[in-house]
Protein backbone atom coordinates (compact mmCIF):
# COMPACT_ATOMS: atom_id res chain seq x y z
CA MET A 1 0.00 0.00 0.00
CA ILE A 2 1.27 3.46 -0.99
CA ASN A 3 -0.31 6.35 0.87
CA VAL A 4 -0.69 9.76 -0.75
CA ALA A 5 -1.45 13.16 0.76
CA VAL A 6 -2.97 15.90 -1.39
CA LEU A 7 -2.16 19.51 -0.48
CA GLY A 8 -4.89 21.78 -1.80
CA TYR A 9 -8.38 20.48 -2.54
CA GLY A 10 -9.18 22.84 -5.38
CA VAL A 11 -9.83 22.03 -9.04
CA VAL A 12 -6.73 19.92 -9.67
CA GLY A 13 -6.41 18.47 -6.16
CA SER A 14 -10.00 17.23 -6.12
CA GLY A 15 -9.45 15.81 -9.60
CA VAL A 16 -6.46 13.82 -8.36
CA VAL A 17 -8.53 12.35 -5.51
CA GLU A 18 -11.36 11.55 -7.92
CA ILE A 19 -9.14 9.74 -10.42
CA ILE A 20 -7.29 7.69 -7.81
CA LYS A 21 -10.61 6.58 -6.31
CA LYS A 22 -12.44 5.96 -9.62
CA ASN A 23 -9.58 4.17 -11.39
CA SER A 24 -8.04 2.50 -8.34
CA LEU A 25 -7.99 -1.01 -9.83
CA SER A 26 -6.29 -0.09 -13.11
CA ILE A 27 -3.91 2.30 -11.37
CA SER A 28 -2.85 -0.43 -8.93
CA LYS A 29 -2.21 -2.83 -11.81
CA LYS A 30 -0.04 -0.28 -13.60
CA ALA A 31 1.87 0.69 -10.46
CA PHE A 32 2.12 -2.90 -9.12
CA LYS A 33 0.97 -1.55 -5.75
CA GLU A 34 -2.28 -0.26 -4.32
CA ILE A 35 -2.37 3.55 -4.12
CA LYS A 36 -4.64 5.30 -1.66
CA VAL A 37 -5.26 8.92 -0.63
CA LYS A 38 -4.80 9.06 3.13
CA LYS A 39 -4.98 12.80 3.83
CA ILE A 40 -6.16 15.98 2.14
CA LEU A 41 -4.79 19.27 3.50
CA ASP A 42 -6.80 22.45 2.99
CA ILE A 43 -7.70 25.44 5.15
CA ARG A 44 -11.28 25.44 3.84
CA ASP A 45 -14.25 23.40 5.01
CA PHE A 46 -15.88 20.86 2.70
CA PRO A 47 -18.88 19.59 4.69
CA ASP A 48 -20.56 18.08 1.62
CA SER A 49 -17.49 16.36 0.22
CA PRO A 50 -17.54 12.54 0.14
CA GLU A 51 -13.89 12.73 1.24
CA ARG A 52 -14.55 15.03 4.23
CA GLU A 53 -13.15 12.48 6.71
CA LEU A 54 -9.77 12.65 4.95
CA ILE A 55 -9.60 16.45 5.06
CA THR A 56 -7.45 18.18 7.67
CA LYS A 57 -6.36 21.76 8.33
CA ASN A 58 -3.29 20.64 10.28
CA PRO A 59 -0.08 20.22 8.19
CA ASP A 60 1.38 17.98 10.92
CA ASP A 61 -1.19 15.34 10.02
CA VAL A 62 0.65 15.03 6.71
CA PHE A 63 4.29 15.68 7.48
CA ASP A 64 4.44 13.79 10.78
CA ASP A 65 2.81 10.69 9.33
CA PRO A 66 5.54 8.19 8.38
CA GLN A 67 3.03 6.15 6.39
CA ILE A 68 2.54 8.94 3.83
CA ASP A 69 4.99 8.24 1.02
CA ILE A 70 3.99 10.78 -1.65
CA VAL A 71 2.85 14.37 -1.29
CA VAL A 72 0.84 15.92 -4.12
CA GLU A 73 1.15 19.71 -4.13
CA THR A 74 -1.70 21.45 -5.96
CA ILE A 75 -1.85 24.61 -3.85
CA GLY A 76 -0.28 26.84 -6.49
CA GLY A 77 1.92 29.89 -6.10
CA ALA A 78 5.46 30.00 -4.77
CA THR A 79 4.99 30.84 -1.07
CA ILE A 80 3.31 28.26 1.18
CA ALA A 81 3.63 25.67 -1.60
CA TYR A 82 7.38 26.29 -1.60
CA ASP A 83 7.63 25.81 2.17
CA PHE A 84 5.53 22.65 2.13
CA THR A 85 7.46 21.18 -0.80
CA LYS A 86 10.82 21.76 0.88
CA LYS A 87 9.53 20.24 4.10
CA ALA A 88 8.18 17.15 2.36
CA LEU A 89 11.38 16.55 0.38
CA SER A 90 13.53 17.12 3.46
CA MET A 91 11.53 14.47 5.31
CA GLY A 92 12.10 11.93 2.56
CA LYS A 93 8.69 12.13 0.95
CA HIS A 94 8.33 12.15 -2.84
CA VAL A 95 6.57 15.25 -4.22
CA VAL A 96 4.42 15.49 -7.34
CA THR A 97 3.08 18.88 -8.45
CA SER A 98 1.16 20.79 -11.10
CA ASN A 99 2.60 24.10 -9.89
CA LYS A 100 4.33 25.76 -12.85
CA GLU A 101 5.19 28.92 -10.92
CA LEU A 102 7.02 26.99 -8.22
CA VAL A 103 8.93 24.81 -10.70
CA ALA A 104 9.90 27.77 -12.88
CA THR A 105 11.06 29.79 -9.86
CA HIS A 106 12.70 27.23 -7.56
CA GLY A 107 13.17 24.17 -9.79
CA PRO A 108 16.96 23.75 -9.41
CA GLU A 109 16.83 24.08 -5.63
CA LEU A 110 13.95 21.63 -5.20
CA LEU A 111 15.45 19.09 -7.60
CA ALA A 112 18.75 19.25 -5.73
CA LEU A 113 16.92 18.80 -2.42
CA ALA A 114 15.10 15.77 -3.83
CA ARG A 115 18.37 14.15 -4.92
CA GLN A 116 19.94 14.92 -1.56
CA ASN A 117 17.12 13.07 0.21
CA GLN A 118 16.91 10.30 -2.42
CA VAL A 119 13.34 11.05 -3.45
CA ASN A 120 11.65 12.33 -6.59
CA TYR A 121 10.25 15.73 -7.49
CA LEU A 122 8.05 15.33 -10.59
CA PHE A 123 5.96 17.94 -12.39
CA GLU A 124 4.52 16.56 -15.63
CA ALA A 125 1.26 18.47 -15.03
CA SER A 126 3.00 21.85 -14.80
CA VAL A 127 3.09 22.20 -18.60
CA GLY A 128 0.37 21.25 -21.06
CA GLY A 129 -2.17 19.92 -18.56
CA GLY A 130 -2.92 16.37 -19.66
CA ILE A 131 -0.56 16.46 -22.66
CA PRO A 132 2.44 14.19 -22.04
CA ILE A 133 5.40 16.45 -22.82
CA ILE A 134 7.90 16.69 -19.94
CA ARG A 135 8.61 12.97 -19.58
CA PRO A 136 8.79 12.38 -23.37
CA LEU A 137 11.13 15.35 -23.68
CA ASN A 138 13.33 14.05 -20.87
CA ARG A 139 13.23 10.36 -21.82
CA CYS A 140 11.82 9.47 -25.23
CA LEU A 141 13.71 12.28 -26.96
CA ALA A 142 16.80 12.06 -24.74
CA ALA A 143 18.98 10.87 -27.63
CA ASN A 144 18.28 14.10 -29.52
CA GLU A 145 19.97 17.45 -29.39
CA ILE A 146 16.89 19.65 -29.14
CA HIS A 147 17.13 22.64 -31.47
CA SER A 148 13.89 24.46 -30.73
CA ILE A 149 10.49 24.43 -29.02
CA VAL A 150 7.51 26.32 -30.43
CA GLY A 151 4.15 26.07 -28.77
CA ILE A 152 0.69 27.30 -27.90
CA LEU A 153 0.91 26.77 -24.15
CA ASN A 154 -2.10 28.63 -22.79
CA GLY A 155 -5.66 27.49 -23.44
CA THR A 156 -7.29 30.70 -22.21
CA THR A 157 -5.57 32.98 -24.70
CA ASN A 158 -6.02 30.47 -27.51
CA TYR A 159 -9.75 30.32 -26.76
CA ILE A 160 -10.02 34.12 -26.78
CA LEU A 161 -8.18 34.46 -30.09
CA SER A 162 -10.29 31.65 -31.59
CA GLN A 163 -13.51 33.42 -30.56
CA MET A 164 -12.27 36.71 -31.97
CA LYS A 165 -11.34 35.09 -35.27
CA ARG A 166 -14.36 32.79 -35.76
CA GLU A 167 -17.15 34.77 -34.12
CA GLY A 168 -15.90 38.32 -34.62
CA LYS A 169 -16.01 39.09 -30.90
CA ASP A 170 -13.95 41.91 -29.43
CA PHE A 171 -11.20 40.97 -26.98
CA ASP A 172 -13.16 42.11 -23.90
CA VAL A 173 -16.26 40.14 -24.94
CA ALA A 174 -14.24 36.99 -25.65
CA LEU A 175 -12.45 37.31 -22.30
CA LYS A 176 -15.72 37.62 -20.37
CA GLU A 177 -17.04 34.54 -22.17
CA ALA A 178 -13.86 32.63 -21.28
CA GLN A 179 -14.39 33.58 -17.62
CA LYS A 180 -18.04 32.56 -17.78
CA ASN A 181 -17.11 29.15 -19.20
CA GLY A 182 -14.42 28.60 -16.57
CA TYR A 183 -11.53 28.90 -19.03
CA ALA A 184 -10.20 32.10 -17.43
CA GLU A 185 -9.72 33.13 -13.82
CA ALA A 186 -11.48 36.10 -12.24
CA ASP A 187 -8.06 37.77 -12.49
CA PRO A 188 -6.84 36.64 -15.94
CA THR A 189 -3.59 38.61 -15.88
CA ALA A 190 -1.25 35.61 -15.82
CA ASP A 191 -2.91 34.23 -18.94
CA ILE A 192 -3.62 37.25 -21.11
CA GLU A 193 -0.31 38.98 -20.34
CA GLY A 194 1.65 35.84 -21.26
CA HIS A 195 3.13 35.06 -17.81
CA ASP A 196 1.68 31.54 -17.74
CA SER A 197 3.18 30.68 -21.13
CA CYS A 198 6.47 32.25 -20.09
CA ARG A 199 6.85 29.95 -17.07
CA LYS A 200 5.94 26.92 -19.17
CA ILE A 201 8.45 27.63 -21.94
CA ALA A 202 11.09 28.20 -19.24
CA ILE A 203 10.40 24.74 -17.79
CA LEU A 204 10.43 23.03 -21.20
CA SER A 205 13.62 24.83 -22.19
CA SER A 206 15.34 23.85 -18.94
CA ILE A 207 14.59 20.18 -19.68
CA ALA A 208 15.37 20.34 -23.40
CA TYR A 209 18.72 22.10 -23.02
CA ASN A 210 19.62 20.56 -19.64
CA GLU A 211 20.25 23.90 -18.00
CA PHE A 212 18.03 26.12 -15.93
CA VAL A 213 16.31 28.85 -17.94
CA ASP A 214 15.06 31.62 -15.66
CA TYR A 215 11.67 32.88 -16.82
CA LYS A 216 12.51 36.37 -15.54
CA PHE A 217 14.87 36.79 -18.51
CA ILE A 218 12.32 35.74 -21.13
CA TYR A 219 10.71 38.59 -23.07
CA THR A 220 6.95 38.29 -22.58
CA GLU A 221 4.10 40.05 -24.33
CA GLY A 222 0.41 39.16 -24.02
CA ILE A 223 -2.62 39.46 -26.29
CA THR A 224 -4.37 42.50 -24.79
CA LYS A 225 -3.41 44.71 -27.75
CA ILE A 226 -4.73 42.30 -30.40
CA SER A 227 -7.83 43.60 -32.18
CA LEU A 228 -10.28 42.29 -34.74
CA THR A 229 -8.55 44.50 -37.31
CA ASP A 230 -5.23 42.77 -36.61
CA LEU A 231 -6.89 39.42 -37.21
CA LYS A 232 -8.41 40.64 -40.48
CA TYR A 233 -5.02 41.81 -41.69
CA ALA A 234 -3.60 38.39 -40.75
CA GLU A 235 -6.42 36.73 -42.69
CA SER A 236 -5.54 38.83 -45.74
CA MET A 237 -2.02 37.37 -45.44
CA ASN A 238 -3.46 33.81 -45.44
CA SER A 239 -2.46 33.66 -41.79
CA THR A 240 -3.81 33.80 -38.26
CA ILE A 241 -2.65 35.16 -34.88
CA LYS A 242 -1.60 32.92 -31.98
CA LEU A 243 0.14 33.54 -28.66
CA ILE A 244 3.38 31.67 -29.27
CA ALA A 245 6.01 30.56 -26.76
CA PHE A 246 9.36 30.05 -28.48
CA SER A 247 12.83 28.89 -27.50
CA GLU A 248 15.89 27.93 -29.51
CA LYS A 249 19.41 26.96 -28.54
CA ILE A 250 22.08 28.86 -30.50
CA ASP A 251 25.64 28.04 -29.45
CA ASP A 252 25.82 28.78 -25.71
CA LYS A 253 22.77 31.06 -25.66
CA ILE A 254 19.04 30.41 -25.60
CA VAL A 255 16.66 32.57 -27.59
CA ALA A 256 13.33 32.62 -25.77
CA TRP A 257 10.23 34.79 -25.93
CA VAL A 258 6.43 34.79 -25.61
CA SER A 259 4.47 36.98 -27.99
CA PRO A 260 1.46 37.19 -30.31
CA VAL A 261 2.59 35.99 -33.74
CA ILE A 262 1.09 36.04 -37.21
CA ILE A 263 1.62 32.51 -38.51
CA GLY A 264 0.81 31.21 -41.97
CA ASN A 265 -2.18 28.89 -42.29
CA GLY A 266 0.19 26.16 -43.44
CA HIS A 267 1.98 26.16 -40.08
CA PRO A 268 1.15 23.13 -37.86
CA LEU A 269 0.06 25.43 -35.01
CA ALA A 270 -2.30 27.55 -37.11
CA GLY A 271 -5.20 25.10 -36.81
CA VAL A 272 -4.98 24.66 -33.03
CA GLU A 273 -8.21 26.19 -31.74
CA ASP A 274 -10.12 26.94 -28.54
CA VAL A 275 -8.60 25.65 -25.27
CA PHE A 276 -6.27 23.18 -26.95
CA ASN A 277 -2.48 23.41 -26.65
CA ALA A 278 0.17 22.16 -29.05
CA ILE A 279 3.94 21.93 -28.78
CA LEU A 280 6.41 21.42 -31.62
CA ILE A 281 9.79 19.93 -30.69
CA ASN A 282 12.62 19.98 -33.22
CA GLY A 283 15.47 17.53 -32.59
CA ASP A 284 18.49 16.59 -34.66
CA ALA A 285 17.51 12.91 -34.93
CA ILE A 286 13.71 12.92 -34.84
CA GLY A 287 13.17 16.11 -36.81
CA GLU A 288 9.84 17.66 -35.85
CA ALA A 289 7.44 16.08 -33.34
CA MET A 290 4.12 17.59 -32.26
CA PHE A 291 2.26 17.11 -28.98
CA TYR A 292 -1.41 18.14 -28.94
CA GLY A 293 -4.30 18.06 -26.50
CA ARG A 294 -6.21 19.87 -23.80
CA GLY A 295 -3.77 22.06 -21.95
CA ALA A 296 -5.84 22.66 -18.85
CA GLY A 297 -8.90 21.50 -16.96
CA LYS A 298 -9.61 19.48 -13.84
CA LEU A 299 -9.29 15.91 -15.08
CA PRO A 300 -6.71 16.37 -17.88
CA THR A 301 -4.29 18.05 -15.45
CA ALA A 302 -5.12 15.62 -12.64
CA SER A 303 -4.42 12.69 -14.96
CA ALA A 304 -0.87 13.98 -15.47
CA VAL A 305 -0.42 14.27 -11.70
CA VAL A 306 -1.61 10.71 -11.14
CA ALA A 307 0.70 9.50 -13.93
CA ASP A 308 3.62 11.00 -11.98
CA ILE A 309 2.42 9.22 -8.82
CA ILE A 310 2.42 5.92 -10.72
CA GLU A 311 5.90 6.71 -12.05
CA VAL A 312 7.19 7.21 -8.50
CA VAL A 313 5.59 4.01 -7.24
CA LYS A 314 6.87 1.89 -10.14
CA HIS A 315 10.43 3.03 -9.43
CA LEU A 316 10.52 3.12 -5.64
CA GLY A 317 14.11 2.99 -4.47
CA SER A 318 15.36 5.02 -7.43
CA PHE A 319 15.42 8.78 -7.71
CA GLY A 320 16.80 11.57 -9.86
CA GLY A 321 14.80 12.60 -12.90
CA TYR A 322 15.99 16.06 -13.89
CA ASN A 323 19.30 17.78 -13.32
CA TRP A 324 19.30 21.42 -14.35
CA SER A 325 22.75 22.94 -14.27
CA LEU A 326 22.92 26.60 -13.37
CA ALA A 327 24.57 28.69 -16.06
CA GLU A 328 27.10 31.32 -15.10
CA GLY A 329 25.24 34.56 -15.61
CA ASP A 330 22.26 35.00 -17.91
CA ASN A 331 22.06 32.23 -20.53
CA VAL A 332 19.11 33.83 -22.35
CA LEU A 333 20.00 36.02 -25.33
CA ASP A 334 18.87 39.62 -24.96
CA VAL A 335 15.67 40.01 -26.99
CA MET A 336 17.19 43.14 -28.54
CA GLU A 337 19.66 40.89 -30.37
CA THR A 338 16.95 38.70 -31.91
CA GLN A 339 15.42 39.33 -35.31
CA THR A 340 12.12 38.67 -37.02
CA ARG A 341 9.64 40.16 -39.48
CA TYR A 342 6.83 42.40 -38.26
CA MET A 343 3.40 43.48 -39.40
CA VAL A 344 3.01 47.16 -38.50
CA ARG A 345 -0.17 49.27 -38.45
CA ILE A 346 0.01 53.05 -38.25
CA LYS A 347 -2.65 55.74 -37.97
CA ILE A 348 -1.82 58.54 -40.37
CA LYS A 349 -2.57 62.21 -40.98
CA ASP A 350 -1.17 62.45 -44.51
CA HIS A 351 -1.31 59.33 -46.71
CA LYS A 352 1.38 60.23 -49.25
CA ASN A 353 3.92 61.66 -46.80
CA ALA A 354 3.32 58.83 -44.32
CA LYS A 355 4.14 56.30 -47.05
CA ASN A 356 7.27 58.20 -47.95
CA ASP A 357 8.40 58.34 -44.30
CA VAL A 358 7.82 54.59 -43.87
CA THR A 359 9.99 53.77 -46.88
CA LYS A 360 12.72 56.07 -45.55
CA VAL A 361 12.75 54.36 -42.15
CA PHE A 362 12.54 50.73 -43.33
CA ASN A 363 14.83 49.35 -46.04
CA LYS A 364 12.36 46.90 -47.52
CA ILE A 365 8.65 46.49 -46.82
CA GLU A 366 5.54 44.89 -48.26
CA TRP A 367 2.40 47.02 -48.19
CA LEU A 368 -0.80 45.32 -47.11
CA ASN A 369 -3.69 46.38 -49.32
CA ALA A 370 -5.89 43.29 -49.44
CA PHE A 371 -7.83 44.51 -46.39
CA ASN A 372 -8.79 48.04 -45.43
CA MET A 373 -7.36 49.38 -48.69
CA ASP A 374 -9.86 52.26 -48.80
CA ASN A 375 -8.98 53.46 -45.31
CA GLU A 376 -7.11 56.72 -45.76
CA GLU A 377 -6.47 57.02 -42.03
CA GLU A 378 -4.41 53.83 -41.67
CA LEU A 379 -1.51 52.05 -43.35
CA ALA A 380 -0.22 48.53 -42.76
CA PHE A 381 2.95 46.84 -43.95
CA VAL A 382 5.24 43.88 -43.30
CA THR A 383 8.94 44.44 -42.70
CA GLU A 384 11.88 42.28 -43.67
CA LYS A 385 13.75 40.52 -40.88
CA VAL A 386 15.03 43.17 -38.51
CA LEU A 387 16.83 43.18 -35.16
CA GLU A 388 14.51 43.95 -32.27
CA LYS A 389 16.63 46.92 -31.19
CA ASP A 390 16.53 48.35 -34.73
CA MET A 391 12.78 47.70 -34.95
CA ARG A 392 12.12 49.70 -31.81
CA GLN A 393 14.30 52.54 -33.03
CA ASN A 394 12.48 52.53 -36.37
CA LEU A 395 9.09 52.69 -34.67
CA GLU A 396 10.28 55.63 -32.61
CA LYS A 397 11.33 57.39 -35.82
CA LEU A 398 7.88 56.80 -37.30
CA LYS A 399 6.29 58.32 -34.22
CA GLN A 400 8.30 61.50 -34.88
CA SER A 401 6.87 61.82 -38.38
CA GLU A 402 4.42 64.69 -38.81
CA ALA A 403 2.44 62.50 -41.18
CA VAL A 404 1.99 59.68 -38.62
CA GLU A 405 -0.45 60.11 -35.75
CA GLU A 406 0.42 56.88 -33.90
CA VAL A 407 1.79 53.36 -34.25
CA ILE A 408 -1.31 51.24 -33.62
CA ASN A 409 0.39 47.86 -33.31
CA SER A 410 3.38 45.77 -34.35
CA ILE A 411 3.14 41.97 -34.40
CA LYS A 412 5.78 39.35 -35.09
CA VAL A 413 5.40 37.38 -38.34
CA MET A 414 6.48 33.74 -38.48
CA GLU A 415 6.85 31.80 -41.73
CA ALA A 416 4.67 28.74 -42.35
């Protein structure tokens, strides 16, 4: 018998308890041992829960119980969850988590603590919900040198952009609908500003390149500035807009960013809609591999947590997993030294002079006329590949033009 304690009886935590109870027979067969939830720690009351007798508000009921072998942390955040995780690992208890913020912030420390105490710290559910990605990246693709990772890693933003594109809803309307349907939190900042995707690409990059990638150094931009007009321009380019998380290893540096991107309809990620996630891994031996599925939700995420529990039980007596080396200094290339194409929209005062000023600032551009071509108050164009630092300087020059009222938006363009 393997006893499990669940910390946090929210959406994911309750899903873990539900799956272990509902699928107990098949889980036991796969793990070669019976797995049972012995305690649930939460500060809230659940008088109507069928598991109410397992619920405690006292952490000592978990940490002082020598019969509890595995602690499942689904509290979230990087404060009390951090303290509880360190305590569990220090006491020789395996820890399984879905907490992307904690892994992205304290991953190296917690992994080292797990090795020191000869236990496991596993976090498959921290990226991609129920999509198996972390273990395949660490094991199945271990023979590869990973060149790049490109993904749609946040279901909330993908749902919003899908609603804007398909239904013609404004951003604010699509966001409220996402909240109503339970796809977005009451405070959606982490999703719509790209922070959630940033932490996830940091975790995936750390595994792929076998060195810790600190999310604080990853340039991150959300979707709050994306409008229906932007999407119509993208459509005129036979493209769509997605919030993309990107990382690439170049020599001893890692290029990493999160940003809205115009991607051609022929790109594998272009057709990923609604709350679904997709991740493209490019390795030297396998080439391109794609992982696709629901990136969030109670049971998909809980299934990944339970899979980690089974993994621990099947390999009791062994430990290790991930070993992220800490680079000397910042190993993420400054975003200013990266280059890409951009679609730029400007509000103008004088059509002819604005066009002339654009061609003076940018060496080579492609005017977009397929949509909005009769609008004398706006111009749109696509640049050639340009360094980020040069792009920002060029936009500042445009803002100084007497013929340009404002730069409405600039969006990265990725080839199909």
